[in-house]
Amino acid sequence: MYRVVYLPTARRQLEDAVMYIAVDLAAPDAAMALADAVDSAVQKLREMPYRFPIYHTLYAMKHEIRFFPVKNYNVYYVVREETKTVEIWRVLHRLQNQKRN
């Protein structure tokens, strides 16, 4: 079984998304649903970290980055075999991701 850790940037991105939904959109139930859905999906990586596809880019990457969708967000992560760890790198709204491409 793998250990799952959120990198600080991913943790902050998830917290920002939850706060935006809860406060700015005045939808606290939707915010908690997002947090629960992301955490539930991320915890499933403990048993099957290679279940989602590799994120392909035009550039060579040092690490094999994988991703999966949760509601309107994509979660990006890296599997570290040497430490049996799944690192959650980013939690981005799908529209944020499109702007970067």
Protein backbone atom coordinates (compact mmCIF):
# COMPACT_ATOMS: atom_id res chain seq x y z
CA MET A 1 0.00 0.00 0.00
CA TYR A 2 1.19 3.50 -0.86
CA ARG A 3 1.25 6.57 1.35
CA VAL A 4 -0.53 9.68 -0.02
CA VAL A 5 0.75 13.20 0.64
CA TYR A 6 -0.48 16.55 -0.62
CA LEU A 7 2.30 18.93 -1.58
CA PRO A 8 1.75 22.42 -0.11
CA THR A 9 0.69 23.90 -3.45
CA ALA A 10 -1.96 21.23 -4.01
CA ARG A 11 -3.25 21.59 -0.45
CA ARG A 12 -3.53 25.36 -0.89
CA GLN A 13 -5.26 25.00 -4.27
CA LEU A 14 -7.85 22.65 -2.79
CA GLU A 15 -8.40 24.91 0.21
CA ASP A 16 -8.76 27.95 -2.07
CA ALA A 17 -11.32 26.14 -4.24
CA VAL A 18 -13.33 25.05 -1.21
CA MET A 19 -13.27 28.56 0.29
CA TYR A 20 -14.26 30.14 -3.03
CA ILE A 21 -17.25 27.83 -3.38
CA ALA A 22 -18.27 28.16 0.27
CA VAL A 23 -17.84 31.93 0.65
CA ASP A 24 -17.91 33.63 -2.74
CA LEU A 25 -20.55 31.36 -4.24
CA ALA A 26 -22.35 30.93 -0.89
CA ALA A 27 -22.54 27.16 -1.37
CA PRO A 28 -20.98 25.53 1.70
CA ASP A 29 -22.57 22.14 1.00
CA ALA A 30 -21.09 22.10 -2.50
CA ALA A 31 -17.72 23.11 -1.08
CA MET A 32 -17.72 20.24 1.39
CA ALA A 33 -18.87 17.85 -1.34
CA LEU A 34 -15.87 18.87 -3.43
CA ALA A 35 -13.45 18.41 -0.53
CA ASP A 36 -14.93 15.00 0.29
CA ALA A 37 -14.91 13.87 -3.35
CA VAL A 38 -11.27 14.87 -3.88
CA ASP A 39 -10.15 13.24 -0.63
CA SER A 40 -12.08 10.05 -1.36
CA ALA A 41 -10.60 9.76 -4.87
CA VAL A 42 -7.10 10.54 -3.63
CA GLN A 43 -7.28 7.91 -0.89
CA LYS A 44 -8.12 5.26 -3.51
CA LEU A 45 -4.66 5.88 -4.99
CA ARG A 46 -3.20 4.14 -1.91
CA GLU A 47 -4.11 0.78 -3.41
CA MET A 48 -3.98 1.51 -7.16
CA PRO A 49 -1.74 4.50 -7.89
CA TYR A 50 -1.36 3.69 -11.58
CA ARG A 51 -5.10 3.56 -12.28
CA PHE A 52 -5.22 6.93 -14.08
CA PRO A 53 -3.55 8.02 -17.34
CA ILE A 54 -0.30 9.88 -17.77
CA TYR A 55 -0.61 13.60 -18.47
CA HIS A 56 1.04 14.04 -21.86
CA THR A 57 2.82 17.26 -22.72
CA LEU A 58 4.87 18.52 -25.63
CA TYR A 59 7.89 18.75 -23.36
CA ALA A 60 9.98 16.11 -21.66
CA MET A 61 9.09 15.78 -17.99
CA LYS A 62 11.37 14.63 -15.21
CA HIS A 63 8.48 12.77 -13.56
CA GLU A 64 5.58 10.77 -14.93
CA ILE A 65 2.62 12.96 -13.98
CA ARG A 66 -0.81 11.37 -13.86
CA PHE A 67 -4.21 12.99 -13.48
CA PHE A 68 -7.88 12.32 -12.89
CA PRO A 69 -11.05 14.43 -12.82
CA VAL A 70 -13.14 15.15 -9.74
CA LYS A 71 -16.22 17.25 -10.39
CA ASN A 72 -14.90 20.35 -12.26
CA TYR A 73 -11.31 19.85 -11.10
CA ASN A 74 -8.33 17.81 -12.21
CA VAL A 75 -5.96 16.29 -9.67
CA TYR A 76 -2.35 15.85 -10.81
CA TYR A 77 -0.02 13.48 -9.02
CA VAL A 78 3.26 11.57 -9.16
CA VAL A 79 3.97 8.04 -7.94
CA ARG A 80 7.30 7.61 -6.14
CA GLU A 81 8.09 3.91 -6.26
CA GLU A 82 11.26 4.26 -4.20
CA THR A 83 9.28 5.48 -1.18
CA LYS A 84 5.88 3.95 -2.06
CA THR A 85 4.40 7.45 -1.98
CA VAL A 86 1.78 9.20 -4.11
CA GLU A 87 2.41 12.95 -4.18
CA ILE A 88 -0.56 15.15 -5.03
CA TRP A 89 0.99 18.02 -6.98
CA ARG A 90 -1.94 20.14 -8.16
CA VAL A 91 -5.70 20.53 -7.85
CA LEU A 92 -6.82 22.78 -10.70
CA HIS A 93 -10.20 23.78 -12.05
CA ARG A 94 -10.51 22.40 -15.57
CA LEU A 95 -10.76 25.91 -17.00
CA GLN A 96 -7.52 26.91 -15.24
CA ASN A 97 -5.79 24.00 -16.90
CA GLN A 98 -7.05 24.97 -20.36
CA LYS A 99 -5.61 28.45 -20.00
CA ARG A 100 -2.16 26.97 -19.47
CA ASN A 101 -2.20 24.88 -22.62
